[in-house]
Amino acid sequence: MVIKLFKADKNHKQNNLLDSSQWMNPKIQEKLKKSWAPIFYEHVFCKIDEEPFAVLYGKTGKPNFPVNILLSLEYIKHMKDCSDLELLDDFYFDYLVNYAVGIRTLGEMNLAERTLYYFRERVYHHCFDNPGEEELLFGPFLALLRNFATIAGISLEEQRTDTTLFMSNIKKAGRISLAYDVLSKGVKAIPEGERTDTLAKVLEPDFKTDILYRAKAQEGETKLRLLLGLCQEALKMLETSQEDLDEVRILKRFLAEQSTLDPESGQPVPKPKKEITSSSLQSAHDEDATYRKKGHVGQSGYSLEISETCSKGNAFQVITDYSIEPNNISDVEILKDRMGSLQDTGCTELYVDGGFHSPDIHQAAKDNDIEIHLTNMSGTEPTKKLPVSEFEIDEATNVIKKCPVGHTPTHAGVKSGQTTAHFSHDACANCELKTKCFSKKQVKSCVVRISLKSVVTCREREKMKASKKKNTSKRAGIEGSNSALKRKGLDKLRVRGQAKSSVVCGLKVTAQNIKRFIRYMQGGYKPKENQQKGVPVPIYG
């Protein structure tokens, strides 16, 4: 990759005597003004701060191709969900695309295909070398979000969150297929003249056919043992001469996760399936992907968390936050880590489904002054005992004040994570609810002990039931955003690895916001009349 000197692009601010629009028919000029290109130019291209991207370039050499053009083309690529070749053709011959990226003379600038690839490579390497830091593309995403929200008068206080699973550019592979991929990659790393006859046959077409396509069900264990043995042989050969190779690391990891050594023969023996963890290697070409089963569907890849606005008064909704994690990270963990980012956007109320119900989430929300609204709750509601809500419990102190039939405890308090109340024997002896009550008879009194966790959960259930219709209505729209992203290529990305997946997802999320804003500026999302009440009802994007 050629070293480039960073230089911000200011040429687009200068008037061009050869402006192609000047010789256009006036009617065509009018159509150009009403198209998406001027909106993109003014509210996206001109808002891109190039300075943070200076870290991608050196201090000497030929000046870089303008970052604002390259980044804008990436947004346009994901708006259209087109290939690189189609994007380059649009850059060369489509005046709308030229206008959108500040070029006024058609064919004025040449963009080599490798220039586009080098820019992505720089961004990928920066994200890979700086894990844990805010992604380089997250800054422009937030800047555009705030600009769109200000112009469209979008309220950021009410938001909703959800996660969706997606795959990187890998195939769904069983243990035998995965073992073959790891083995063949390892064998290819061995110089051809050093391969044993056994390992050389691995790369022959007949070997792959026999292993993967001519295998009977009862032969699975035998074939897996064979592949694991060959993996061990390839690893020993690579370790003697090329220990630092990626293939060595992958072979070691695969053998450790999928097998144990037979103490007598020293050969690897396949582990039972139940001992293979969700974090185990899913592909020989993507070491970051993990496995997760959501509902009845299992998938290898990653999880995308998005949050978006959901206020009924907004003309359209914008995505306010995103995060990409291995898909075996729980939804609770992802949201807990993003709560601070949501607060920074101005979120005060958050609508989520039951998968996010957790004391950790409620505490994180409380710490960030955000109120959580649940559409349902995970787990089953207790039926054998009286609902905790039947007891009168002080909201502030959690002390039990009365039992379900109105008896006042002789004394009560909170200790060791429980709220405890003592009642007289006479009060509980003939009570019609004693078979369902928490009360337990002791020498001096009958004691009720309820965990504080149960008290909090019960309150959340009651609160959720009281506003379930509203909460469900507010949260449901985010499913449409997940669907829109998947229709634009999220379902299976064309890249591999978490760093690259994060970059591409960031571009797709930002492109989704841009599309919605352009539609709004062109007069979309107009309210329609409610025929029964005659009140304008917004249409959401």
Protein backbone atom coordinates (compact mmCIF):
# COMPACT_ATOMS: atom_id res chain seq x y z
CA MET A 1 0.00 0.00 0.00
CA VAL A 2 1.49 3.34 -1.10
CA ILE A 3 2.20 5.92 1.64
CA LYS A 4 0.04 9.02 1.26
CA LEU A 5 0.13 12.50 2.79
CA PHE A 6 -3.16 13.56 4.39
CA LYS A 7 -4.73 16.67 2.94
CA ALA A 8 -8.30 17.85 3.57
CA ASP A 9 -10.48 18.44 0.51
CA LYS A 10 -11.62 22.06 0.00
CA ASN A 11 -11.84 22.12 -3.79
CA HIS A 12 -15.58 21.46 -3.81
CA LYS A 13 -16.19 24.88 -2.23
CA GLN A 14 -14.77 26.70 -5.27
CA ASN A 15 -16.97 27.65 -8.25
CA ASN A 16 -16.21 25.72 -11.42
CA LEU A 17 -16.34 27.46 -14.81
CA LEU A 18 -16.88 24.07 -16.47
CA ASP A 19 -19.88 23.15 -14.29
CA SER A 20 -21.81 20.57 -16.35
CA SER A 21 -25.15 21.76 -14.99
CA GLN A 22 -24.73 25.17 -16.67
CA TRP A 23 -25.37 23.80 -20.15
CA MET A 24 -28.31 21.65 -19.06
CA ASN A 25 -31.84 22.37 -20.19
CA PRO A 26 -33.59 24.54 -17.52
CA LYS A 27 -36.17 21.78 -16.91
CA ILE A 28 -33.39 19.26 -16.33
CA GLN A 29 -31.68 21.72 -13.98
CA GLU A 30 -34.92 21.93 -12.01
CA LYS A 31 -35.11 18.12 -11.78
CA LEU A 32 -31.50 18.06 -10.56
CA LYS A 33 -32.37 20.49 -7.75
CA LYS A 34 -35.25 18.23 -6.63
CA SER A 35 -33.17 15.04 -6.73
CA TRP A 36 -31.35 13.36 -3.81
CA ALA A 37 -27.93 14.65 -4.89
CA PRO A 38 -28.12 18.28 -3.58
CA ILE A 39 -29.53 17.01 -0.26
CA PHE A 40 -26.70 14.50 0.07
CA TYR A 41 -24.10 17.12 -0.86
CA GLU A 42 -25.31 19.73 1.63
CA HIS A 43 -26.26 17.54 4.59
CA VAL A 44 -23.86 14.58 4.28
CA PHE A 45 -20.82 15.37 2.13
CA CYS A 46 -20.28 18.88 3.52
CA LYS A 47 -20.73 17.65 7.11
CA ILE A 48 -17.92 15.07 6.95
CA ASP A 49 -14.98 16.02 9.18
CA GLU A 50 -11.88 14.67 7.45
CA GLU A 51 -9.39 15.46 10.22
CA PRO A 52 -10.00 12.28 12.32
CA PHE A 53 -8.98 10.25 9.24
CA ALA A 54 -5.51 11.84 9.21
CA VAL A 55 -4.33 8.92 11.41
CA LEU A 56 -4.70 6.66 8.38
CA TYR A 57 -2.02 8.50 6.41
CA GLY A 58 1.63 9.47 6.74
CA LYS A 59 3.33 12.87 6.82
CA THR A 60 5.09 12.57 3.48
CA GLY A 61 4.26 11.38 -0.01
CA LYS A 62 1.64 12.18 -2.60
CA PRO A 63 -1.58 13.79 -1.25
CA ASN A 64 -4.42 11.37 -0.57
CA PHE A 65 -7.56 11.04 -2.62
CA PRO A 66 -10.20 13.18 -0.80
CA VAL A 67 -11.54 11.31 2.24
CA ASN A 68 -14.94 13.02 2.03
CA ILE A 69 -15.41 11.62 -1.48
CA LEU A 70 -14.29 8.10 -0.53
CA LEU A 71 -16.48 8.00 2.59
CA SER A 72 -19.47 9.44 0.69
CA LEU A 73 -19.06 6.78 -1.99
CA GLU A 74 -19.12 4.11 0.74
CA TYR A 75 -22.42 5.53 2.02
CA ILE A 76 -23.85 5.59 -1.52
CA LYS A 77 -22.68 2.00 -2.09
CA HIS A 78 -24.67 0.80 0.92
CA MET A 79 -27.66 3.02 0.12
CA LYS A 80 -27.89 1.28 -3.25
CA ASP A 81 -26.48 -2.10 -2.09
CA CYS A 82 -24.38 -2.22 -5.25
CA SER A 83 -21.01 -3.78 -6.11
CA ASP A 84 -17.74 -1.88 -6.31
CA LEU A 85 -17.74 -2.05 -10.10
CA GLU A 86 -21.26 -0.61 -10.23
CA LEU A 87 -20.21 2.10 -7.76
CA LEU A 88 -17.20 3.06 -9.91
CA ASP A 89 -19.36 3.20 -13.05
CA ASP A 90 -21.74 5.53 -11.18
CA PHE A 91 -18.78 7.69 -10.14
CA TYR A 92 -17.54 7.92 -13.73
CA PHE A 93 -20.83 8.42 -15.59
CA ASP A 94 -23.67 9.30 -13.18
CA TYR A 95 -23.89 13.09 -12.71
CA LEU A 96 -26.12 12.72 -9.63
CA VAL A 97 -23.36 10.77 -7.87
CA ASN A 98 -20.77 13.34 -9.01
CA TYR A 99 -22.93 16.20 -7.76
CA ALA A 100 -23.47 14.44 -4.43
CA VAL A 101 -19.70 14.21 -3.81
CA GLY A 102 -18.92 17.80 -4.80
CA ILE A 103 -17.84 17.25 -8.41
CA ARG A 104 -19.53 19.60 -10.89
CA THR A 105 -17.87 18.51 -14.15
CA LEU A 106 -18.71 14.99 -15.28
CA GLY A 107 -15.57 12.91 -15.79
CA GLU A 108 -13.36 15.47 -14.00
CA MET A 109 -11.77 13.02 -11.54
CA ASN A 110 -10.50 9.48 -12.02
CA LEU A 111 -10.80 6.99 -9.17
CA ALA A 112 -8.74 3.83 -9.41
CA GLU A 113 -10.34 0.69 -8.05
CA ARG A 114 -7.36 0.05 -5.78
CA THR A 115 -7.73 3.53 -4.23
CA LEU A 116 -11.15 2.48 -2.94
CA TYR A 117 -9.68 -0.77 -1.59
CA TYR A 118 -6.70 0.96 0.05
CA PHE A 119 -9.02 3.34 1.91
CA ARG A 120 -11.05 0.43 3.28
CA GLU A 121 -7.88 -1.42 4.19
CA ARG A 122 -6.65 1.56 6.19
CA VAL A 123 -9.97 1.83 8.04
CA TYR A 124 -10.01 -1.93 8.72
CA HIS A 125 -6.46 -1.90 10.09
CA HIS A 126 -7.18 1.09 12.30
CA CYS A 127 -10.24 -0.64 13.82
CA PHE A 128 -8.32 -3.90 14.25
CA ASP A 129 -5.31 -2.19 15.88
CA ASN A 130 -7.44 -0.10 18.25
CA PRO A 131 -9.95 -2.50 19.85
CA GLY A 132 -12.19 -1.05 22.52
CA GLU A 133 -11.95 2.48 21.14
CA GLU A 134 -14.85 4.18 19.41
CA GLU A 135 -14.84 3.13 15.81
CA LEU A 136 -13.44 5.66 13.31
CA LEU A 137 -16.78 5.69 11.48
CA PHE A 138 -18.86 6.18 14.64
CA GLY A 139 -17.95 9.89 14.82
CA PRO A 140 -19.40 10.73 11.37
CA PHE A 141 -22.46 8.59 12.21
CA LEU A 142 -23.16 10.67 15.34
CA ALA A 143 -22.47 13.98 13.57
CA LEU A 144 -24.95 13.15 10.80
CA LEU A 145 -27.49 11.87 13.35
CA ARG A 146 -27.44 15.15 15.27
CA ASN A 147 -27.65 17.19 12.05
CA PHE A 148 -30.66 15.19 10.79
CA ALA A 149 -32.39 15.36 14.19
CA THR A 150 -31.94 19.15 14.40
CA ILE A 151 -33.24 19.85 10.90
CA ALA A 152 -36.20 17.45 11.11
CA GLY A 153 -37.05 18.29 14.73
CA ILE A 154 -36.61 14.68 15.83
CA SER A 155 -36.94 13.97 19.56
CA LEU A 156 -34.18 11.67 20.84
CA GLU A 157 -35.65 11.15 24.30
CA GLU A 158 -37.73 8.04 23.53
CA GLN A 159 -35.78 5.18 21.95
CA ARG A 160 -36.10 1.43 21.37
CA THR A 161 -33.45 -1.26 21.16
CA ASP A 162 -33.13 -4.72 19.62
CA THR A 163 -30.49 -7.14 18.39
CA THR A 164 -30.37 -9.23 15.24
CA LEU A 165 -28.03 -12.03 14.13
CA PHE A 166 -26.08 -11.98 10.88
CA MET A 167 -23.34 -13.98 9.16
CA SER A 168 -20.03 -12.85 7.78
CA ASN A 169 -18.82 -14.26 4.48
CA ILE A 170 -18.56 -17.85 5.73
CA LYS A 171 -20.48 -21.01 5.03
CA LYS A 172 -22.55 -23.05 7.45
CA ALA A 173 -20.28 -25.97 8.20
CA GLY A 174 -20.60 -29.15 10.24
CA ARG A 175 -17.65 -30.56 12.19
CA ILE A 176 -16.33 -32.62 9.27
CA SER A 177 -16.57 -29.75 6.80
CA LEU A 178 -14.91 -27.39 9.27
CA ALA A 179 -12.16 -29.92 9.96
CA TYR A 180 -11.48 -30.25 6.21
CA ASP A 181 -11.30 -26.45 5.75
CA VAL A 182 -8.84 -26.07 8.64
CA LEU A 183 -6.76 -28.99 7.38
CA SER A 184 -6.61 -27.81 3.75
CA LYS A 185 -5.65 -24.30 4.83
CA GLY A 186 -2.87 -25.72 7.00
CA VAL A 187 -1.59 -28.04 4.25
CA LYS A 188 -1.46 -25.16 1.73
CA ALA A 189 0.82 -23.29 4.15
CA ILE A 190 3.37 -26.14 3.98
CA PRO A 191 5.79 -25.71 1.04
CA GLU A 192 4.85 -28.14 -1.70
CA GLY A 193 8.18 -29.96 -1.64
CA GLU A 194 7.95 -30.60 2.12
CA ARG A 195 4.46 -32.15 2.22
CA THR A 196 4.20 -35.85 3.01
CA ASP A 197 2.34 -38.05 0.53
CA THR A 198 -0.58 -38.30 2.96
CA LEU A 199 -0.89 -34.52 3.33
CA ALA A 200 -0.43 -33.91 -0.40
CA LYS A 201 -3.51 -36.05 -1.12
CA VAL A 202 -5.61 -33.70 1.03
CA LEU A 203 -5.55 -31.09 -1.74
CA GLU A 204 -6.65 -33.55 -4.44
CA PRO A 205 -10.31 -33.20 -5.57
CA ASP A 206 -11.07 -36.89 -4.90
CA PHE A 207 -10.09 -36.55 -1.23
CA LYS A 208 -12.57 -33.72 -0.65
CA THR A 209 -15.30 -35.59 -2.50
CA ASP A 210 -14.77 -38.77 -0.50
CA ILE A 211 -14.67 -36.95 2.84
CA LEU A 212 -17.57 -34.53 2.37
CA TYR A 213 -19.91 -35.97 -0.24
CA ARG A 214 -19.54 -39.75 -0.15
CA ALA A 215 -19.70 -40.09 3.61
CA LYS A 216 -22.37 -42.26 5.19
CA ALA A 217 -23.92 -41.28 8.50
CA GLN A 218 -22.24 -44.12 10.37
CA GLU A 219 -18.83 -43.11 8.98
CA GLY A 220 -18.88 -39.61 10.49
CA GLU A 221 -16.84 -40.47 13.59
CA THR A 222 -14.21 -42.33 11.55
CA LYS A 223 -13.77 -39.53 9.03
CA LEU A 224 -13.55 -36.90 11.78
CA ARG A 225 -10.82 -38.93 13.53
CA LEU A 226 -8.92 -39.13 10.21
CA LEU A 227 -9.12 -35.37 9.66
CA LEU A 228 -8.07 -34.58 13.23
CA GLY A 229 -5.06 -36.88 12.87
CA LEU A 230 -4.04 -35.15 9.64
CA CYS A 231 -4.48 -31.75 11.31
CA GLN A 232 -2.09 -32.87 14.05
CA GLU A 233 0.42 -34.03 11.44
CA ALA A 234 0.21 -30.73 9.53
CA LEU A 235 0.60 -28.76 12.77
CA LYS A 236 3.79 -30.63 13.73
CA MET A 237 5.32 -29.89 10.32
CA LEU A 238 4.42 -26.18 10.45
CA GLU A 239 5.62 -25.71 14.04
CA THR A 240 9.16 -26.81 13.15
CA SER A 241 9.68 -24.10 10.53
CA GLN A 242 6.84 -21.53 10.46
CA GLU A 243 5.48 -21.24 14.00
CA ASP A 244 4.25 -17.63 13.60
CA LEU A 245 1.80 -18.39 10.79
CA ASP A 246 -1.94 -17.82 11.21
CA GLU A 247 -2.48 -21.41 10.08
CA VAL A 248 -0.51 -22.69 13.09
CA ARG A 249 -2.68 -20.71 15.49
CA ILE A 250 -5.88 -21.92 13.81
CA LEU A 251 -4.78 -25.56 13.84
CA LYS A 252 -3.84 -25.37 17.53
CA ARG A 253 -7.15 -23.77 18.44
CA PHE A 254 -9.20 -26.22 16.39
CA LEU A 255 -7.52 -29.29 17.86
CA ALA A 256 -7.84 -27.94 21.42
CA GLU A 257 -11.55 -27.15 21.00
CA GLN A 258 -12.61 -30.24 19.06
CA SER A 259 -10.48 -33.08 20.45
CA THR A 260 -8.62 -34.66 23.32
CA LEU A 261 -5.45 -36.76 23.06
CA ASP A 262 -5.68 -40.51 23.52
CA PRO A 263 -3.11 -41.28 26.28
CA GLU A 264 -2.11 -44.58 24.66
CA SER A 265 -1.86 -43.73 20.95
CA GLY A 266 -1.27 -39.98 21.27
CA GLN A 267 -3.84 -39.42 18.52
CA PRO A 268 -6.61 -36.79 18.78
CA VAL A 269 -10.07 -38.13 19.67
CA PRO A 270 -13.21 -36.09 18.88
CA LYS A 271 -14.92 -34.49 21.86
CA PRO A 272 -18.66 -35.14 22.36
CA LYS A 273 -20.80 -32.45 20.71
CA LYS A 274 -22.13 -31.20 24.05
CA GLU A 275 -18.58 -30.28 25.10
CA ILE A 276 -18.06 -27.96 22.11
CA THR A 277 -18.64 -24.40 23.31
CA SER A 278 -20.42 -21.62 21.41
CA SER A 279 -17.14 -19.67 21.27
CA SER A 280 -15.36 -22.45 19.35
CA LEU A 281 -13.99 -21.86 15.84
CA GLN A 282 -16.84 -21.63 13.30
CA SER A 283 -14.81 -21.11 10.14
CA ALA A 284 -11.21 -21.54 9.05
CA HIS A 285 -11.49 -18.08 7.48
CA ASP A 286 -13.15 -16.12 10.31
CA GLU A 287 -11.68 -16.62 13.77
CA ASP A 288 -14.01 -14.12 15.48
CA ALA A 289 -17.35 -15.70 14.54
CA THR A 290 -19.26 -17.57 17.26
CA TYR A 291 -22.37 -19.76 17.45
CA ARG A 292 -25.77 -18.92 18.90
CA LYS A 293 -29.19 -20.51 18.79
CA LYS A 294 -32.01 -17.97 18.87
CA GLY A 295 -35.41 -19.58 19.06
CA HIS A 296 -35.14 -22.74 16.93
CA VAL A 297 -32.54 -21.33 14.53
CA GLY A 298 -28.79 -21.74 15.05
CA GLN A 299 -26.37 -19.38 13.31
CA SER A 300 -22.64 -18.73 13.14
CA GLY A 301 -21.57 -15.10 13.03
CA TYR A 302 -22.24 -11.90 14.92
CA SER A 303 -24.91 -9.86 16.64
CA LEU A 304 -25.87 -6.29 15.72
CA GLU A 305 -27.49 -4.11 18.39
CA ILE A 306 -29.28 -1.02 17.14
CA SER A 307 -31.23 1.67 18.97
CA GLU A 308 -33.51 4.16 17.27
CA THR A 309 -35.96 6.89 18.15
CA CYS A 310 -39.63 5.99 18.62
CA SER A 311 -41.47 9.19 19.57
CA LYS A 312 -44.92 9.38 17.94
CA GLY A 313 -44.32 13.05 17.17
CA ASN A 314 -41.29 12.40 14.94
CA ALA A 315 -41.79 12.71 11.20
CA PHE A 316 -39.47 9.72 10.81
CA GLN A 317 -37.23 7.67 13.10
CA VAL A 318 -33.42 7.65 13.06
CA ILE A 319 -30.99 5.01 14.30
CA THR A 320 -29.11 6.48 17.27
CA ASP A 321 -26.62 3.76 18.25
CA TYR A 322 -25.15 0.49 17.00
CA SER A 323 -22.73 -2.15 18.25
CA ILE A 324 -21.35 -5.37 16.76
CA GLU A 325 -20.41 -8.26 19.03
CA PRO A 326 -19.87 -12.05 18.69
CA ASN A 327 -23.34 -13.56 18.72
CA ASN A 328 -22.76 -15.57 21.89
CA ILE A 329 -22.60 -12.34 23.91
CA SER A 330 -25.98 -11.93 25.63
CA ASP A 331 -28.33 -9.10 24.69
CA VAL A 332 -28.16 -7.96 28.32
CA GLU A 333 -24.37 -7.57 28.24
CA ILE A 334 -24.46 -5.65 24.96
CA LEU A 335 -27.12 -3.18 26.09
CA LYS A 336 -25.52 -2.70 29.51
CA ASP A 337 -22.29 -1.58 27.82
CA ARG A 338 -24.17 0.77 25.44
CA MET A 339 -26.29 2.50 28.09
CA GLY A 340 -23.81 5.35 28.47
CA SER A 341 -23.78 5.95 24.71
CA LEU A 342 -27.58 6.06 24.66
CA GLN A 343 -27.58 8.64 27.44
CA ASP A 344 -25.14 10.77 25.40
CA THR A 345 -27.63 10.87 22.54
CA GLY A 346 -30.30 12.26 24.87
CA CYS A 347 -32.24 9.07 25.59
CA THR A 348 -34.41 9.18 28.75
CA GLU A 349 -36.87 6.34 28.02
CA LEU A 350 -35.95 3.01 26.43
CA TYR A 351 -38.36 0.35 25.09
CA VAL A 352 -37.07 -3.24 24.94
CA ASP A 353 -38.43 -6.79 24.83
CA GLY A 354 -38.25 -9.43 27.55
CA GLY A 355 -34.81 -10.66 26.46
CA PHE A 356 -33.29 -7.55 28.02
CA HIS A 357 -34.91 -8.01 31.44
CA SER A 358 -32.14 -8.17 34.02
CA PRO A 359 -31.21 -6.46 37.31
CA ASP A 360 -27.97 -5.36 35.60
CA ILE A 361 -29.92 -3.59 32.86
CA HIS A 362 -32.21 -1.84 35.32
CA GLN A 363 -29.23 -0.72 37.40
CA ALA A 364 -27.30 0.51 34.34
CA ALA A 365 -30.39 2.40 33.18
CA LYS A 366 -30.84 3.94 36.62
CA ASP A 367 -27.18 5.02 36.70
CA ASN A 368 -27.68 6.77 33.35
CA ASP A 369 -31.09 8.34 34.18
CA ILE A 370 -32.91 6.16 31.65
CA GLU A 371 -36.30 4.56 32.32
CA ILE A 372 -36.74 1.02 30.98
CA HIS A 373 -40.08 -0.08 29.44
CA LEU A 374 -40.53 -3.83 28.86
CA THR A 375 -42.96 -5.40 26.38
CA ASN A 376 -42.75 -8.72 28.28
CA MET A 377 -40.45 -10.46 30.73
CA SER A 378 -38.30 -13.56 30.49
CA GLY A 379 -39.08 -16.46 32.79
CA THR A 380 -42.45 -17.69 34.02
CA GLU A 381 -44.70 -15.90 36.45
CA PRO A 382 -45.04 -17.73 39.82
CA THR A 383 -48.40 -19.47 40.25
CA LYS A 384 -48.06 -21.69 43.37
CA LYS A 385 -47.56 -18.83 45.80
CA LEU A 386 -49.41 -15.57 46.25
CA PRO A 387 -48.14 -12.82 43.95
CA VAL A 388 -45.73 -10.55 45.80
CA SER A 389 -47.90 -7.63 44.65
CA GLU A 390 -50.65 -8.83 47.02
CA PHE A 391 -48.54 -7.70 49.98
CA GLU A 392 -48.43 -4.02 50.81
CA ILE A 393 -44.73 -3.20 50.58
CA ASP A 394 -43.28 0.26 51.08
CA GLU A 395 -41.81 1.53 47.76
CA ALA A 396 -38.89 3.32 49.41
CA THR A 397 -37.85 0.95 52.21
CA ASN A 398 -39.22 -2.40 50.88
CA VAL A 399 -40.65 -3.10 54.36
CA ILE A 400 -43.85 -5.21 54.42
CA LYS A 401 -46.68 -3.09 55.88
CA LYS A 402 -49.68 -5.46 55.48
CA CYS A 403 -50.42 -9.00 54.30
CA PRO A 404 -52.96 -9.73 51.51
CA VAL A 405 -55.88 -9.96 53.97
CA GLY A 406 -54.91 -6.76 55.80
CA HIS A 407 -53.04 -7.97 58.90
CA THR A 408 -50.25 -5.71 60.16
CA PRO A 409 -46.99 -7.45 61.16
CA THR A 410 -45.82 -7.32 64.79
CA HIS A 411 -42.45 -6.25 63.43
CA ALA A 412 -40.81 -6.14 60.00
CA GLY A 413 -37.53 -5.21 58.37
CA VAL A 414 -35.06 -5.80 55.53
CA LYS A 415 -31.91 -7.88 55.93
CA SER A 416 -29.60 -10.09 53.82
CA GLY A 417 -31.42 -9.38 50.57
CA GLN A 418 -34.84 -10.23 52.02
CA THR A 419 -37.82 -8.32 53.36
CA THR A 420 -39.11 -10.10 56.47
CA ALA A 421 -42.35 -9.70 58.44
CA HIS A 422 -43.55 -11.46 61.63
CA PHE A 423 -47.27 -12.09 62.20
CA SER A 424 -49.04 -13.49 65.27
CA HIS A 425 -50.13 -17.12 65.25
CA ASP A 426 -53.76 -16.04 65.58
CA ALA A 427 -53.55 -13.88 62.44
CA CYS A 428 -52.31 -16.79 60.28
CA ALA A 429 -54.05 -19.79 61.89
CA ASN A 430 -57.42 -19.44 60.22
CA CYS A 431 -56.39 -17.43 57.15
CA GLU A 432 -58.01 -18.65 53.92
CA LEU A 433 -54.80 -17.94 51.98
CA LYS A 434 -52.38 -19.81 54.26
CA THR A 435 -51.81 -22.63 51.74
CA LYS A 436 -50.54 -20.13 49.17
CA CYS A 437 -48.88 -17.66 51.52
CA PHE A 438 -45.12 -17.29 52.09
CA SER A 439 -45.81 -17.54 55.83
CA LYS A 440 -43.98 -20.22 57.82
CA LYS A 441 -44.92 -21.07 61.42
CA GLN A 442 -42.23 -20.68 64.04
CA VAL A 443 -42.24 -20.87 67.86
CA LYS A 444 -43.11 -17.25 68.61
CA SER A 445 -44.71 -16.11 65.34
CA CYS A 446 -45.38 -16.82 61.67
CA VAL A 447 -42.67 -15.40 59.42
CA VAL A 448 -42.92 -14.17 55.82
CA ARG A 449 -39.64 -13.87 53.90
CA ILE A 450 -39.55 -12.51 50.35
CA SER A 451 -36.37 -11.85 48.40
CA LEU A 452 -35.84 -8.25 47.29
CA LYS A 453 -35.18 -9.55 43.79
CA SER A 454 -38.72 -11.00 43.73
CA VAL A 455 -40.11 -7.67 44.93
CA VAL A 456 -38.37 -5.76 42.14
CA THR A 457 -39.39 -8.33 39.52
CA CYS A 458 -43.01 -8.21 40.66
CA ARG A 459 -43.09 -4.45 40.43
CA GLU A 460 -41.67 -4.63 36.91
CA ARG A 461 -44.35 -7.17 35.93
CA GLU A 462 -47.13 -4.96 37.28
CA LYS A 463 -45.70 -1.92 35.57
CA MET A 464 -45.32 -3.82 32.31
CA LYS A 465 -48.91 -5.16 32.40
CA ALA A 466 -50.29 -1.66 32.99
CA SER A 467 -48.67 -0.27 29.85
CA LYS A 468 -48.05 -3.38 27.73
CA LYS A 469 -50.03 -2.16 24.71
CA LYS A 470 -48.16 1.15 24.60
CA ASN A 471 -44.76 -0.48 25.15
CA THR A 472 -45.36 -3.09 22.46
CA SER A 473 -46.50 -0.44 19.99
CA LYS A 474 -43.43 1.69 20.65
CA ARG A 475 -40.94 -1.18 20.33
CA ALA A 476 -42.42 -3.07 17.37
CA GLY A 477 -41.15 -0.68 14.68
CA ILE A 478 -37.51 -1.60 15.21
CA GLU A 479 -38.17 -4.97 13.58
CA GLY A 480 -38.72 -3.03 10.36
CA SER A 481 -35.29 -1.42 10.71
CA ASN A 482 -33.65 -4.82 11.16
CA SER A 483 -35.50 -6.07 8.09
CA ALA A 484 -34.47 -3.03 6.02
CA LEU A 485 -30.80 -3.53 6.94
CA LYS A 486 -30.94 -7.21 6.03
CA ARG A 487 -32.52 -6.41 2.66
CA LYS A 488 -29.50 -4.20 2.01
CA GLY A 489 -26.98 -6.98 2.58
CA LEU A 490 -26.74 -7.31 6.37
CA ASP A 491 -28.07 -10.88 6.44
CA LYS A 492 -24.75 -12.13 5.08
CA LEU A 493 -21.91 -9.66 4.70
CA ARG A 494 -19.23 -9.83 2.03
CA VAL A 495 -16.42 -9.54 4.60
CA ARG A 496 -15.03 -11.66 7.43
CA GLY A 497 -13.87 -10.88 10.95
CA GLN A 498 -15.34 -8.65 13.64
CA ALA A 499 -13.31 -5.54 12.70
CA LYS A 500 -14.42 -5.61 9.07
CA SER A 501 -17.97 -6.55 10.01
CA SER A 502 -18.10 -3.55 12.37
CA VAL A 503 -16.97 -1.20 9.60
CA VAL A 504 -19.49 -2.50 7.08
CA CYS A 505 -22.36 -2.51 9.60
CA GLY A 506 -21.50 1.05 10.58
CA LEU A 507 -21.70 2.12 6.94
CA LYS A 508 -25.01 0.31 6.42
CA VAL A 509 -26.58 1.86 9.54
CA THR A 510 -25.43 5.35 8.54
CA ALA A 511 -26.70 4.81 4.98
CA GLN A 512 -30.09 3.84 6.40
CA ASN A 513 -30.31 7.16 8.26
CA ILE A 514 -29.24 9.06 5.15
CA LYS A 515 -31.94 7.41 3.04
CA ARG A 516 -34.63 8.29 5.58
CA PHE A 517 -33.46 11.90 5.81
CA ILE A 518 -33.38 12.31 2.03
CA ARG A 519 -36.88 10.91 1.78
CA TYR A 520 -38.02 13.37 4.45
CA MET A 521 -36.39 16.33 2.66
CA GLN A 522 -38.09 15.30 -0.59
CA GLY A 523 -41.50 15.43 1.10
CA GLY A 524 -41.87 11.85 2.25
CA TYR A 525 -43.34 10.67 5.56
CA LYS A 526 -46.28 13.04 5.20
CA PRO A 527 -49.04 12.49 7.79
CA LYS A 528 -52.19 10.76 6.63
CA GLU A 529 -55.65 11.61 7.92
CA ASN A 530 -57.19 9.32 10.51
CA GLN A 531 -60.66 8.81 9.06
CA GLN A 532 -62.31 8.22 12.46
CA LYS A 533 -60.86 11.12 14.42
CA GLY A 534 -59.64 13.41 11.67
CA VAL A 535 -56.23 13.67 13.37
CA PRO A 536 -52.98 13.51 11.33
CA VAL A 537 -51.13 10.27 12.04
CA PRO A 538 -47.37 10.17 11.22
CA ILE A 539 -45.98 7.47 8.95
CA TYR A 540 -42.68 6.16 10.27
CA GLY A 541 -39.60 5.11 8.41
